[in-house]
Structures are given as C-alpha cells and as structure tokens.
Amino acid sequence: MAKNKQIRVTINLECINCAQNLGKRCQGISRYTTRKNRRNTPIRLELKKFCRYCGKHTIHKEIKK
C-alpha cells in the first residue's frame, strides 16, 4: 500500500514587519507554529498575531521550512 500524504501539516508563521522595521523596541523575528488542513486551505495562511518584538498585533505569513 502507498502512504497517504498527511492532511494536517505543521506550518510556521513569521512577522512581516520585523524584517523591514529597523526602529522597533528590540531585535528579533517573531515566529509562531500552528497546524492547518491542506485540503481546506491550500493557499499560504496569513493571520494577525501579536509580535513581541514590534510590541503590537501584525500580520504573520506562512513561511517554508
């Protein structure tokens, strides 16, 4: 029998403002780990999450591992 691809995959979300913003309160890039359903969400995920380096809620985009 052939192995099936996993339907639920683990993804990383990264803040889009951290790489561009040089005037933030401390250095670093905010990353979150979550899971998504590959069938229901085939496109890259974007969520609004809190970035501790920027000190506010920002858009976090899915990145490749």
PDB file of N, CA and C in Angstrom:
ATOM      1  N   MET A   1       0.815  -1.182   0.000  1.00  0.00           N
ATOM      2  CA  MET A   1       0.000   0.000   0.000  1.00  0.00           C
ATOM      3  C   MET A   1       0.867   1.257   0.000  1.00  0.00           C
ATOM      4  N   ALA A   2       0.435   2.242  -0.695  1.00  0.00           N
ATOM      5  CA  ALA A   2       1.157   3.505  -0.741  1.00  0.00           C
ATOM      6  C   ALA A   2       0.765   4.360   0.461  1.00  0.00           C
ATOM      7  N   LYS A   3       1.742   5.136   0.932  1.00  0.00           N
ATOM      8  CA  LYS A   3       1.464   6.032   2.053  1.00  0.00           C
ATOM      9  C   LYS A   3       0.671   7.235   1.558  1.00  0.00           C
ATOM     10  N   ASN A   4      -0.305   7.673   2.356  1.00  0.00           N
ATOM     11  CA  ASN A   4      -1.072   8.883   2.038  1.00  0.00           C
ATOM     12  C   ASN A   4      -0.335  10.102   2.556  1.00  0.00           C
ATOM     13  N   LYS A   5      -0.500  11.212   1.878  1.00  0.00           N
ATOM     14  CA  LYS A   5       0.038  12.461   2.391  1.00  0.00           C
ATOM     15  C   LYS A   5      -0.775  12.859   3.614  1.00  0.00           C
ATOM     16  N   GLN A   6      -0.107  13.476   4.558  1.00  0.00           N
ATOM     17  CA  GLN A   6      -0.825  13.938   5.733  1.00  0.00           C
ATOM     18  C   GLN A   6      -1.758  15.077   5.346  1.00  0.00           C
ATOM     19  N   ILE A   7      -2.962  15.037   5.883  1.00  0.00           N
ATOM     20  CA  ILE A   7      -3.919  16.104   5.600  1.00  0.00           C
ATOM     21  C   ILE A   7      -3.589  17.335   6.441  1.00  0.00           C
ATOM     22  N   ARG A   8      -3.298  17.139   7.714  1.00  0.00           N
ATOM     23  CA  ARG A   8      -2.916  18.241   8.596  1.00  0.00           C
ATOM     24  C   ARG A   8      -1.398  18.357   8.610  1.00  0.00           C
ATOM     25  N   VAL A   9      -0.914  19.570   8.334  1.00  0.00           N
ATOM     26  CA  VAL A   9       0.523  19.816   8.311  1.00  0.00           C
ATOM     27  C   VAL A   9       0.874  20.917   9.308  1.00  0.00           C
ATOM     28  N   THR A  10       2.080  20.848   9.845  1.00  0.00           N
ATOM     29  CA  THR A  10       2.578  21.868  10.752  1.00  0.00           C
ATOM     30  C   THR A  10       3.254  22.961   9.931  1.00  0.00           C
ATOM     31  N   ILE A  11       2.895  24.211  10.219  1.00  0.00           N
ATOM     32  CA  ILE A  11       3.446  25.339   9.471  1.00  0.00           C
ATOM     33  C   ILE A  11       4.045  26.359  10.431  1.00  0.00           C
ATOM     34  N   ASN A  12       4.907  27.229   9.914  1.00  0.00           N
ATOM     35  CA  ASN A  12       5.489  28.327  10.677  1.00  0.00           C
ATOM     36  C   ASN A  12       4.947  29.637  10.138  1.00  0.00           C
ATOM     37  N   LEU A  13       4.601  30.541  11.047  1.00  0.00           N
ATOM     38  CA  LEU A  13       4.149  31.879  10.693  1.00  0.00           C
ATOM     39  C   LEU A  13       5.218  32.871  11.148  1.00  0.00           C
ATOM     40  N   GLU A  14       5.549  33.833  10.275  1.00  0.00           N
ATOM     41  CA  GLU A  14       6.595  34.803  10.584  1.00  0.00           C
ATOM     42  C   GLU A  14       6.063  36.217  10.386  1.00  0.00           C
ATOM     43  N   CYS A  15       6.443  37.120  11.279  1.00  0.00           N
ATOM     44  CA  CYS A  15       6.016  38.519  11.210  1.00  0.00           C
ATOM     45  C   CYS A  15       6.616  39.181   9.968  1.00  0.00           C
ATOM     46  N   ILE A  16       5.791  39.919   9.222  1.00  0.00           N
ATOM     47  CA  ILE A  16       6.298  40.574   8.012  1.00  0.00           C
ATOM     48  C   ILE A  16       6.932  41.928   8.317  1.00  0.00           C
ATOM     49  N   ASN A  17       6.627  42.512   9.479  1.00  0.00           N
ATOM     50  CA  ASN A  17       7.179  43.824   9.819  1.00  0.00           C
ATOM     51  C   ASN A  17       8.575  43.745  10.431  1.00  0.00           C
ATOM     52  N   CYS A  18       8.931  42.633  11.042  1.00  0.00           N
ATOM     53  CA  CYS A  18      10.225  42.524  11.748  1.00  0.00           C
ATOM     54  C   CYS A  18      11.412  42.686  10.806  1.00  0.00           C
ATOM     55  N   ALA A  19      11.350  42.108   9.631  1.00  0.00           N
ATOM     56  CA  ALA A  19      12.480  42.192   8.700  1.00  0.00           C
ATOM     57  C   ALA A  19      12.627  43.604   8.126  1.00  0.00           C
ATOM     58  N   GLN A  20      11.539  44.346   8.037  1.00  0.00           N
ATOM     59  CA  GLN A  20      11.557  45.678   7.428  1.00  0.00           C
ATOM     60  C   GLN A  20      11.751  46.792   8.451  1.00  0.00           C
ATOM     61  N   ASN A  21      11.297  46.581   9.690  1.00  0.00           N
ATOM     62  CA  ASN A  21      11.258  47.639  10.693  1.00  0.00           C
ATOM     63  C   ASN A  21      12.571  47.699  11.467  1.00  0.00           C
ATOM     64  N   LEU A  22      13.349  48.745  11.272  1.00  0.00           N
ATOM     65  CA  LEU A  22      14.613  48.896  11.979  1.00  0.00           C
ATOM     66  C   LEU A  22      14.438  49.651  13.297  1.00  0.00           C
ATOM     67  N   GLY A  23      13.366  50.400  13.463  1.00  0.00           N
ATOM     68  CA  GLY A  23      13.143  51.207  14.663  1.00  0.00           C
ATOM     69  C   GLY A  23      12.275  50.524  15.703  1.00  0.00           C
ATOM     70  N   LYS A  24      12.297  49.218  15.782  1.00  0.00           N
ATOM     71  CA  LYS A  24      11.470  48.525  16.766  1.00  0.00           C
ATOM     72  C   LYS A  24      12.153  48.502  18.121  1.00  0.00           C
ATOM     73  N   ARG A  25      11.429  48.062  19.149  1.00  0.00           N
ATOM     74  CA  ARG A  25      11.958  48.183  20.503  1.00  0.00           C
ATOM     75  C   ARG A  25      13.071  47.194  20.835  1.00  0.00           C
ATOM     76  N   CYS A  26      13.124  46.019  20.202  1.00  0.00           N
ATOM     77  CA  CYS A  26      14.248  45.093  20.380  1.00  0.00           C
ATOM     78  C   CYS A  26      14.393  44.236  19.122  1.00  0.00           C
ATOM     79  N   GLN A  27      15.574  43.648  18.930  1.00  0.00           N
ATOM     80  CA  GLN A  27      15.878  42.891  17.720  1.00  0.00           C
ATOM     81  C   GLN A  27      15.305  41.483  17.785  1.00  0.00           C
ATOM     82  N   GLY A  28      14.930  40.936  16.642  1.00  0.00           N
ATOM     83  CA  GLY A  28      14.426  39.579  16.553  1.00  0.00           C
ATOM     84  C   GLY A  28      13.302  39.479  15.545  1.00  0.00           C
ATOM     85  N   ILE A  29      12.895  38.235  15.243  1.00  0.00           N
ATOM     86  CA  ILE A  29      11.806  37.983  14.320  1.00  0.00           C
ATOM     87  C   ILE A  29      10.803  37.093  15.028  1.00  0.00           C
ATOM     88  N   SER A  30       9.557  37.532  15.084  1.00  0.00           N
ATOM     89  CA  SER A  30       8.503  36.783  15.754  1.00  0.00           C
ATOM     90  C   SER A  30       8.049  35.620  14.877  1.00  0.00           C
ATOM     91  N   ARG A  31       8.001  34.409  15.461  1.00  0.00           N
ATOM     92  CA  ARG A  31       7.539  33.221  14.738  1.00  0.00           C
ATOM     93  C   ARG A  31       6.560  32.448  15.598  1.00  0.00           C
ATOM     94  N   TYR A  32       5.517  31.937  14.969  1.00  0.00           N
ATOM     95  CA  TYR A  32       4.537  31.074  15.606  1.00  0.00           C
ATOM     96  C   TYR A  32       4.475  29.756  14.844  1.00  0.00           C
ATOM     97  N   THR A  33       4.137  28.678  15.540  1.00  0.00           N
ATOM     98  CA  THR A  33       3.934  27.376  14.926  1.00  0.00           C
ATOM     99  C   THR A  33       2.481  26.990  15.104  1.00  0.00           C
ATOM    100  N   THR A  34       1.854  26.495  14.027  1.00  0.00           N
ATOM    101  CA  THR A  34       0.464  26.073  14.077  1.00  0.00           C
ATOM    102  C   THR A  34       0.251  24.955  13.071  1.00  0.00           C
ATOM    103  N   ARG A  35      -0.971  24.455  13.005  1.00  0.00           N
ATOM    104  CA  ARG A  35      -1.304  23.395  12.051  1.00  0.00           C
ATOM    105  C   ARG A  35      -2.448  23.868  11.170  1.00  0.00           C
ATOM    106  N   LYS A  36      -2.465  23.383   9.921  1.00  0.00           N
ATOM    107  CA  LYS A  36      -3.558  23.714   9.021  1.00  0.00           C
ATOM    108  C   LYS A  36      -3.960  22.479   8.233  1.00  0.00           C
ATOM    109  N   ASN A  37      -5.180  22.494   7.734  1.00  0.00           N
ATOM    110  CA  ASN A  37      -5.694  21.421   6.905  1.00  0.00           C
ATOM    111  C   ASN A  37      -5.328  21.730   5.460  1.00  0.00           C
ATOM    112  N   ARG A  38      -4.585  20.838   4.847  1.00  0.00           N
ATOM    113  CA  ARG A  38      -4.099  21.053   3.480  1.00  0.00           C
ATOM    114  C   ARG A  38      -5.237  21.117   2.465  1.00  0.00           C
ATOM    115  N   ARG A  39      -6.294  20.358   2.675  1.00  0.00           N
ATOM    116  CA  ARG A  39      -7.411  20.340   1.717  1.00  0.00           C
ATOM    117  C   ARG A  39      -8.254  21.602   1.790  1.00  0.00           C
ATOM    118  N   ASN A  40      -8.533  22.095   2.994  1.00  0.00           N
ATOM    119  CA  ASN A  40      -9.385  23.275   3.151  1.00  0.00           C
ATOM    120  C   ASN A  40      -8.638  24.578   2.886  1.00  0.00           C
ATOM    121  N   THR A  41      -7.335  24.602   3.124  1.00  0.00           N
ATOM    122  CA  THR A  41      -6.545  25.821   2.982  1.00  0.00           C
ATOM    123  C   THR A  41      -5.306  25.540   2.143  1.00  0.00           C
ATOM    124  N   PRO A  42      -5.443  25.430   0.830  1.00  0.00           N
ATOM    125  CA  PRO A  42      -4.274  25.121   0.000  1.00  0.00           C
ATOM    126  C   PRO A  42      -3.327  26.319  -0.186  1.00  0.00           C
ATOM    127  N   ILE A  43      -3.844  27.549  -0.012  1.00  0.00           N
ATOM    128  CA  ILE A  43      -3.001  28.729  -0.188  1.00  0.00           C
ATOM    129  C   ILE A  43      -2.250  29.021   1.113  1.00  0.00           C
ATOM    130  N   ARG A  44      -1.279  29.930   1.042  1.00  0.00           N
ATOM    131  CA  ARG A  44      -0.495  30.300   2.224  1.00  0.00           C
ATOM    132  C   ARG A  44      -1.368  31.060   3.215  1.00  0.00           C
ATOM    133  N   LEU A  45      -1.186  30.734   4.476  1.00  0.00           N
ATOM    134  CA  LEU A  45      -2.001  31.292   5.551  1.00  0.00           C
ATOM    135  C   LEU A  45      -1.439  32.622   6.017  1.00  0.00           C
ATOM    136  N   GLU A  46      -2.330  33.574   6.339  1.00  0.00           N
ATOM    137  CA  GLU A  46      -1.958  34.867   6.917  1.00  0.00           C
ATOM    138  C   GLU A  46      -2.861  35.114   8.108  1.00  0.00           C
ATOM    139  N   LEU A  47      -2.272  35.334   9.279  1.00  0.00           N
ATOM    140  CA  LEU A  47      -3.035  35.593  10.488  1.00  0.00           C
ATOM    141  C   LEU A  47      -2.493  36.834  11.178  1.00  0.00           C
ATOM    142  N   LYS A  48      -3.371  37.525  11.896  1.00  0.00           N
ATOM    143  CA  LYS A  48      -2.951  38.675  12.675  1.00  0.00           C
ATOM    144  C   LYS A  48      -2.636  38.186  14.086  1.00  0.00           C
ATOM    145  N   LYS A  49      -1.346  38.246  14.465  1.00  0.00           N
ATOM    146  CA  LYS A  49      -0.875  37.750  15.759  1.00  0.00           C
ATOM    147  C   LYS A  49      -0.063  38.844  16.442  1.00  0.00           C
ATOM    148  N   PHE A  50       0.166  38.679  17.749  1.00  0.00           N
ATOM    149  CA  PHE A  50       0.950  39.657  18.497  1.00  0.00           C
ATOM    150  C   PHE A  50       2.441  39.399  18.293  1.00  0.00           C
ATOM    151  N   CYS A  51       3.170  40.436  17.942  1.00  0.00           N
ATOM    152  CA  CYS A  51       4.623  40.360  17.779  1.00  0.00           C
ATOM    153  C   CYS A  51       5.263  41.024  18.997  1.00  0.00           C
ATOM    154  N   ARG A  52       5.996  40.246  19.783  1.00  0.00           N
ATOM    155  CA  ARG A  52       6.600  40.801  20.992  1.00  0.00           C
ATOM    156  C   ARG A  52       7.772  41.721  20.682  1.00  0.00           C
ATOM    157  N   TYR A  53       8.348  41.611  19.493  1.00  0.00           N
ATOM    158  CA  TYR A  53       9.461  42.472  19.114  1.00  0.00           C
ATOM    159  C   TYR A  53       8.979  43.837  18.620  1.00  0.00           C
ATOM    160  N   CYS A  54       7.869  43.861  17.896  1.00  0.00           N
ATOM    161  CA  CYS A  54       7.286  45.128  17.442  1.00  0.00           C
ATOM    162  C   CYS A  54       6.404  45.750  18.525  1.00  0.00           C
ATOM    163  N   GLY A  55       5.873  44.913  19.416  1.00  0.00           N
ATOM    164  CA  GLY A  55       5.026  45.398  20.506  1.00  0.00           C
ATOM    165  C   GLY A  55       3.592  45.658  20.104  1.00  0.00           C
ATOM    166  N   LYS A  56       3.128  45.044  19.002  1.00  0.00           N
ATOM    167  CA  LYS A  56       1.745  45.243  18.550  1.00  0.00           C
ATOM    168  C   LYS A  56       1.304  44.052  17.716  1.00  0.00           C
ATOM    169  N   HIS A  57       0.030  44.019  17.361  1.00  0.00           N
ATOM    170  CA  HIS A  57      -0.507  42.965  16.512  1.00  0.00           C
ATOM    171  C   HIS A  57      -0.140  43.267  15.061  1.00  0.00           C
ATOM    172  N   THR A  58       0.452  42.288  14.381  1.00  0.00           N
ATOM    173  CA  THR A  58       0.872  42.452  12.995  1.00  0.00           C
ATOM    174  C   THR A  58       0.472  41.214  12.190  1.00  0.00           C
ATOM    175  N   ILE A  59       0.592  41.321  10.887  1.00  0.00           N
ATOM    176  CA  ILE A  59       0.300  40.193  10.004  1.00  0.00           C
ATOM    177  C   ILE A  59       1.475  39.215  10.052  1.00  0.00           C
ATOM    178  N   HIS A  60       1.162  37.935  10.240  1.00  0.00           N
ATOM    179  CA  HIS A  60       2.159  36.866  10.198  1.00  0.00           C
ATOM    180  C   HIS A  60       1.817  35.971   9.018  1.00  0.00           C
ATOM    181  N   LYS A  61       2.800  35.751   8.125  1.00  0.00           N
ATOM    182  CA  LYS A  61       2.595  34.927   6.934  1.00  0.00           C
ATOM    183  C   LYS A  61       3.275  33.583   7.082  1.00  0.00           C
ATOM    184  N   GLU A  62       2.724  32.601   6.385  1.00  0.00           N
ATOM    185  CA  GLU A  62       3.302  31.258   6.366  1.00  0.00           C
ATOM    186  C   GLU A  62       4.618  31.285   5.604  1.00  0.00           C
ATOM    187  N   ILE A  63       5.635  30.609   6.157  1.00  0.00           N
ATOM    188  CA  ILE A  63       6.935  30.523   5.503  1.00  0.00           C
ATOM    189  C   ILE A  63       7.268  29.054   5.240  1.00  0.00           C
ATOM    190  N   LYS A  64       8.222  28.837   4.332  1.00  0.00           N
ATOM    191  CA  LYS A  64       8.688  27.470   4.070  1.00  0.00           C
ATOM    192  C   LYS A  64       9.604  27.029   5.198  1.00  0.00           C
ATOM    193  N   LYS A  65       9.637  25.743   5.427  1.00  0.00           N
ATOM    194  CA  LYS A  65      10.535  25.199   6.453  1.00  0.00           C
ATOM    195  C   LYS A  65      11.903  24.985   5.869  1.00  0.00           C
TER     196      LYS A  65
END
